[in-house]
Protein backbone atom coordinates (compact mmCIF):
# COMPACT_ATOMS: atom_id res chain seq x y z
CA MET A 1 0.00 -0.05 -0.04
CA SER A 2 1.29 3.47 -0.94
CA PRO A 3 1.94 5.84 2.01
CA THR A 4 -0.09 8.40 0.20
CA THR A 5 -3.35 6.47 -0.02
CA PRO A 6 -6.41 7.90 1.65
CA LEU A 7 -5.57 5.65 4.68
CA ARG A 8 -2.30 7.36 5.42
CA PRO A 9 -2.17 10.67 3.56
CA ALA A 10 1.13 12.27 3.30
CA ALA A 11 -0.17 15.42 5.12
CA VAL A 12 -3.23 16.31 7.35
CA VAL A 13 -4.13 19.95 7.61
CA PHE A 14 -6.25 21.13 10.49
CA ASP A 15 -8.45 24.02 11.13
CA LEU A 16 -7.68 25.56 14.65
CA ASP A 17 -10.83 27.03 16.39
CA GLY A 18 -13.57 24.45 16.70
CA THR A 19 -11.33 21.68 15.53
CA LEU A 20 -8.22 21.29 17.68
CA VAL A 21 -9.10 23.80 20.27
CA ASP A 22 -12.19 25.02 22.16
CA SER A 23 -11.54 28.76 22.03
CA LEU A 24 -15.20 29.82 22.26
CA PRO A 25 -15.08 31.13 25.79
CA ASP A 26 -12.20 33.53 25.14
CA ILE A 27 -13.46 34.61 21.74
CA ALA A 28 -16.92 35.18 22.93
CA ASP A 29 -15.89 37.10 26.13
CA ALA A 30 -13.56 39.35 24.14
CA LEU A 31 -16.37 40.06 21.69
CA ALA A 32 -18.81 40.75 24.56
CA ASP A 33 -16.33 43.43 25.85
CA LEU A 34 -16.20 44.98 22.47
CA MET A 35 -19.98 45.15 22.26
CA VAL A 36 -20.26 46.70 25.70
CA GLU A 37 -17.69 49.25 24.62
CA HIS A 38 -19.98 50.28 21.81
CA ASP A 39 -22.99 50.45 24.15
CA LEU A 40 -24.44 47.32 22.65
CA PRO A 41 -25.69 44.17 24.50
CA PRO A 42 -23.13 41.43 24.61
CA HIS A 43 -23.87 38.26 22.61
CA SER A 44 -24.30 34.96 24.35
CA HIS A 45 -21.57 32.27 23.83
CA GLU A 46 -24.02 30.29 21.63
CA ALA A 47 -24.62 33.26 19.46
CA ALA A 48 -20.98 34.04 19.21
CA ARG A 49 -20.33 30.39 18.15
CA ARG A 50 -22.43 30.95 15.06
CA MET A 51 -20.43 34.03 14.15
CA ILE A 52 -17.08 32.34 14.20
CA GLY A 53 -15.39 31.78 10.84
CA LYS A 54 -13.99 33.71 7.75
CA GLY A 55 -11.56 35.62 9.93
CA VAL A 56 -11.68 38.26 12.65
CA ALA A 57 -13.20 40.79 10.51
CA GLY A 58 -16.06 38.56 9.67
CA LEU A 59 -16.60 37.81 13.38
CA VAL A 60 -16.74 41.45 14.29
CA GLU A 61 -18.86 42.40 11.31
CA ARG A 62 -21.46 39.76 12.14
CA ALA A 63 -21.43 40.77 15.85
CA PHE A 64 -22.41 44.34 14.87
CA ALA A 65 -24.94 43.15 12.17
CA ALA A 66 -26.82 41.15 14.65
CA HIS A 67 -27.49 44.47 16.32
CA GLY A 68 -28.52 46.01 13.00
CA GLN A 69 -25.37 48.00 12.77
CA HIS A 70 -23.05 48.00 9.73
CA PRO A 71 -19.86 49.95 10.29
CA ALA A 72 -18.11 51.66 7.40
CA PRO A 73 -14.97 49.98 6.29
CA ASP A 74 -12.71 52.35 8.22
CA ASP A 75 -14.70 52.06 11.36
CA LEU A 76 -14.81 48.13 10.98
CA LYS A 77 -10.96 48.17 10.71
CA VAL A 78 -10.81 50.14 13.98
CA ALA A 79 -13.24 47.76 15.66
CA VAL A 80 -11.34 44.62 14.54
CA ALA A 81 -8.12 46.06 15.88
CA ARG A 82 -9.70 46.78 19.24
CA TYR A 83 -11.19 43.23 19.35
CA LEU A 84 -7.68 41.80 18.76
CA ALA A 85 -6.37 44.02 21.62
CA LEU A 86 -9.14 42.62 23.90
CA TYR A 87 -8.77 39.02 22.79
CA GLU A 88 -4.97 38.34 22.52
CA PRO A 89 -4.02 38.91 26.14
CA ARG A 90 -6.77 36.44 27.26
CA ALA A 91 -6.49 33.98 24.25
CA MET A 92 -5.43 31.19 26.56
CA ARG A 93 -7.47 32.05 29.60
CA ASP A 94 -10.22 29.53 29.06
CA THR A 95 -9.19 27.90 25.80
CA VAL A 96 -8.63 24.11 25.94
CA LEU A 97 -7.73 21.31 23.57
CA PHE A 98 -10.76 19.26 22.52
CA PRO A 99 -10.57 15.66 23.94
CA HIS A 100 -7.95 13.29 22.41
CA VAL A 101 -6.34 15.89 20.14
CA GLU A 102 -2.81 15.59 21.46
CA THR A 103 -2.99 11.72 21.42
CA VAL A 104 -4.17 11.56 17.91
CA LEU A 105 -1.78 14.18 16.50
CA ARG A 106 1.09 12.28 18.03
CA GLN A 107 -0.14 9.12 16.63
CA LEU A 108 -0.38 10.64 13.17
CA ALA A 109 3.04 12.06 13.39
CA ALA A 110 4.51 8.76 14.54
CA ASP A 111 2.81 7.16 11.45
CA GLY A 112 4.71 9.62 9.21
CA CYS A 113 2.05 12.09 8.43
CA ARG A 114 3.04 15.81 8.01
CA LEU A 115 0.87 17.95 10.04
CA ALA A 116 -0.15 21.65 9.63
CA VAL A 117 -2.77 24.18 10.64
CA CYS A 118 -4.64 26.33 8.21
CA THR A 119 -6.80 28.91 10.00
CA ASN A 120 -8.55 32.28 9.33
CA LYS A 121 -7.34 33.27 12.74
CA PRO A 122 -4.15 35.58 12.63
CA THR A 123 -1.02 33.53 12.36
CA ALA A 124 0.98 34.84 15.39
CA ILE A 125 -1.72 34.12 17.92
CA SER A 126 -2.44 30.80 16.36
CA ARG A 127 1.16 29.78 16.76
CA GLU A 128 1.17 31.00 20.36
CA ILE A 129 -1.94 28.89 21.20
CA ILE A 130 -0.32 25.82 19.57
CA ALA A 131 2.92 26.34 21.33
CA ALA A 132 1.18 26.89 24.73
CA PHE A 133 -0.28 23.36 24.38
CA GLY A 134 3.08 21.87 23.54
CA LEU A 135 2.13 21.09 20.03
CA ALA A 136 4.60 23.17 18.08
CA ASP A 137 6.81 20.19 17.33
CA LEU A 138 3.84 18.32 15.84
CA LEU A 139 2.44 21.36 13.78
CA PRO A 140 5.49 23.17 12.52
CA VAL A 141 3.48 24.84 9.64
CA VAL A 142 0.90 27.24 10.73
CA VAL A 143 -0.84 29.42 8.04
CA GLY A 144 -3.21 31.98 9.39
CA GLY A 145 -5.71 34.41 7.79
CA ASP A 146 -3.19 37.24 7.62
CA PHE A 147 -0.55 35.00 5.93
CA GLY A 148 -1.08 36.63 2.52
CA PRO A 149 -3.48 34.45 0.28
CA PRO A 150 -7.17 34.91 0.51
CA ARG A 151 -8.80 33.28 3.58
CA LYS A 152 -10.98 30.14 3.48
CA PRO A 153 -13.32 29.29 1.94
CA ASP A 154 -10.89 30.31 -0.86
CA PRO A 155 -8.44 27.35 -1.36
CA ALA A 156 -5.37 29.48 -1.60
CA LEU A 157 -4.56 29.45 2.13
CA LEU A 158 -4.72 25.64 2.25
CA LEU A 159 -2.61 25.34 -0.85
CA ALA A 160 -0.11 27.58 0.75
CA ALA A 161 0.08 25.28 3.81
CA LEU A 162 0.48 22.27 1.37
CA ASP A 163 3.20 23.95 -0.50
CA LEU A 164 5.16 24.56 2.71
CA LEU A 165 4.72 20.96 3.51
CA GLY A 166 5.76 19.88 0.12
CA VAL A 167 2.70 17.81 -0.34
CA ALA A 168 0.36 17.65 -3.34
CA PRO A 169 -3.40 18.17 -2.76
CA ALA A 170 -4.27 14.61 -3.95
CA ASP A 171 -1.98 13.31 -1.10
CA ALA A 172 -3.48 15.45 1.66
CA LEU A 173 -6.56 15.52 3.97
CA MET A 174 -8.16 18.51 5.60
CA VAL A 175 -9.98 18.38 8.97
CA GLY A 176 -12.18 21.10 9.94
CA ASP A 177 -15.50 22.20 11.39
CA SER A 178 -17.06 24.75 9.02
CA ALA A 179 -18.45 25.27 5.59
CA ALA A 180 -15.41 27.41 4.86
CA ASP A 181 -13.03 24.51 5.61
CA VAL A 182 -14.96 22.04 3.40
CA ALA A 183 -15.31 24.50 0.62
CA ALA A 184 -11.62 25.34 0.79
CA ALA A 185 -10.73 21.66 0.61
CA LYS A 186 -13.15 20.73 -2.18
CA ALA A 187 -11.74 23.72 -4.26
CA ALA A 188 -8.17 22.64 -3.57
CA GLY A 189 -8.84 18.95 -4.55
CA VAL A 190 -8.28 17.84 -0.95
CA ARG A 191 -10.28 15.26 0.87
CA VAL A 192 -11.97 16.59 3.91
CA ILE A 193 -13.32 15.36 7.20
CA ALA A 194 -15.63 17.49 9.43
CA VAL A 195 -16.04 17.21 13.20
CA GLU A 196 -19.46 17.51 14.68
CA TYR A 197 -18.56 19.52 17.76
CA GLY A 198 -17.14 22.68 16.20
CA TYR A 199 -18.37 26.16 15.35
CA THR A 200 -20.88 26.25 12.37
CA ASP A 201 -24.33 27.39 11.69
CA VAL A 202 -24.75 24.53 9.19
CA ALA A 203 -25.43 21.07 10.42
CA PRO A 204 -22.14 19.07 10.21
CA ALA A 205 -23.90 16.45 8.12
CA ASP A 206 -24.86 19.07 5.60
CA LEU A 207 -21.41 20.60 5.06
CA GLY A 208 -20.56 18.33 2.21
CA ALA A 209 -17.40 16.67 3.81
CA ASP A 210 -16.21 13.26 2.70
CA TRP A 211 -16.68 12.01 6.28
CA VAL A 212 -17.98 13.38 9.55
CA ILE A 213 -16.68 12.35 13.01
CA ALA A 214 -18.38 12.98 16.41
CA ASP A 215 -15.11 13.00 18.32
CA PHE A 216 -11.40 13.62 17.44
CA SER A 217 -10.70 10.02 18.47
CA GLY A 218 -12.46 8.84 15.50
CA LEU A 219 -10.12 10.43 13.05
CA VAL A 220 -7.83 7.45 12.38
CA ASP A 221 -10.80 5.23 11.85
CA ALA A 222 -12.38 7.73 9.50
CA MET A 223 -9.20 7.94 7.49
CA ALA A 224 -9.39 4.01 7.20
CA ALA A 225 -13.11 4.22 6.20
CA LEU A 226 -12.31 6.78 3.38
CA HIS A 227 -9.61 4.34 2.18
CA GLY A 228 -12.08 1.44 2.12
CA ALA A 229 -14.68 3.63 0.18
CA ALA A 230 -11.87 4.62 -2.30
CA GLU A 231 -10.92 0.94 -2.79
CA ALA A 232 -14.56 -0.02 -3.26
CA GLY A 233 -14.94 2.75 -5.84
CA ARG A 234 -12.00 1.40 -7.81
CA GLY A 235 -13.54 -2.10 -7.73
């Protein structure tokens, strides 16, 4: 069996928020502080969960839009900068790894998979979070929303991560929690697995992923199932 079959892709690229880490409490609390500063009611954690995705600007824009406000571009830039100033010092206050993440990442790395993160979150804070959990050795490539290429759902950011890994899209797998992750992977020609527990306003089963897992511990079995489906298709 080739090491680049769907059972053991050469590389696995992960989204960060809602996939590897549960960062909702810190994201939502910083967003609540931003709303209060603008004399607006804070959003609940559940409401904030549905706003996450497509980068910080998208999060902030949706938070204002939910109150019927639509800041001008310059005002939005100021609000985004203020949100980051509120969020970054507290980014690790209540953020935790989802269950089984470290164990599975170490298993994949031991099996020879190259691992990376592709997130719409800013690169520097993403790297800080990964390092804080002791995962920097497992995830040496981190491509954030400010890396240069267009953000997900555009495939360019994912392709940039794969280029840094030196792996072709056909030999890779994406793991994420949102429509943006699935769309980026599909457009890049990368197989994609969605997690059920993440941050999305679309039911995970309706995202269009090649496979859906309820828990991160199911990732390796899902990779094997994808391989079995691919083999059956060839037959």
